[in-house]
Amino acid sequence: MQEQTTNEQPTQVTENYSGKMLAQAGKHLTFLLAGESYGLEILKVQEIIGMMSITRVPQTSHFVRGVINLRGKVIPVIDLRLKLGIEAKETTSRTCIIVVQVQGSESVTVMGIIVDEVSEVVDITENQLEPAPEFGESALETDFLIGMGKIQDRVVMILDVDKLVLASEKTLMSMASAA
C-alpha cells in the first residue's frame, strides 16, 4: 500500500507574548462589512445562505436579529455590523447569512451571522499573517480580532467567532436554538 501525503497542515493554536490567540495560516472565508474585508477560519463555517425571514426574539441585545428555521432547525442570527459597532444598512441582494459553529464551554452552538457580502475562500500563509495590533489599555475590547492577513493590496481582519460571541450571549443563543 502506497502512503499518500498532503501539503495541507492542520490548524494549530498559538499565542503571542500577551497570551492572546493568533490567527493561523490556512483557508479562511472572507467577507465584507462596510467595505472592509474580514475573515473566518473555514473550519468554523457550516454553510452560506441567502437572506431569509427572521423571527424577532424579544428582550435580546440590539445586534441579535432573531432566529431562522433552517431545514427544521431553529438557528439564532446576529447582525455582525451591529455587533461590531458599525452602522446598520439595508439588506441588498448580496447580503447573506454565514452559518457558523461557535464553541462554548460545554458544547457547540450553530448560529448565523449577517454580512454585507461573501468574497471568497483564501489560503493565507504564515508569511501573510501578522498579529492584531494592540490599541492600548483604554481601547475597546478587540480580543475577537486575532490577526491581519495581507493579501495582495488589501488587509483582511481575521476574527475569532468564538470570542466574538461573549459567554453570556452564547447562553442566550443556546436558549434560542433549543426553542
Foldseek 3Di string as FASTA:
>chain_A
DDDDDDPDDDWDWDADPVRFTADTFFKWWWADAPRAIATEHPVFFDDKFADDDADCDPPDDPQWRHWDQDVNFTATEGEVCVLVPHDDDDADRAKIWTWGWADAPVGTGTHTYIGNHTDGMDGAHPVQKDADDDPDPPDDDDSQFRIWGCDPPHIYGYGDVNVSQDNVNVVVRVVRRVD
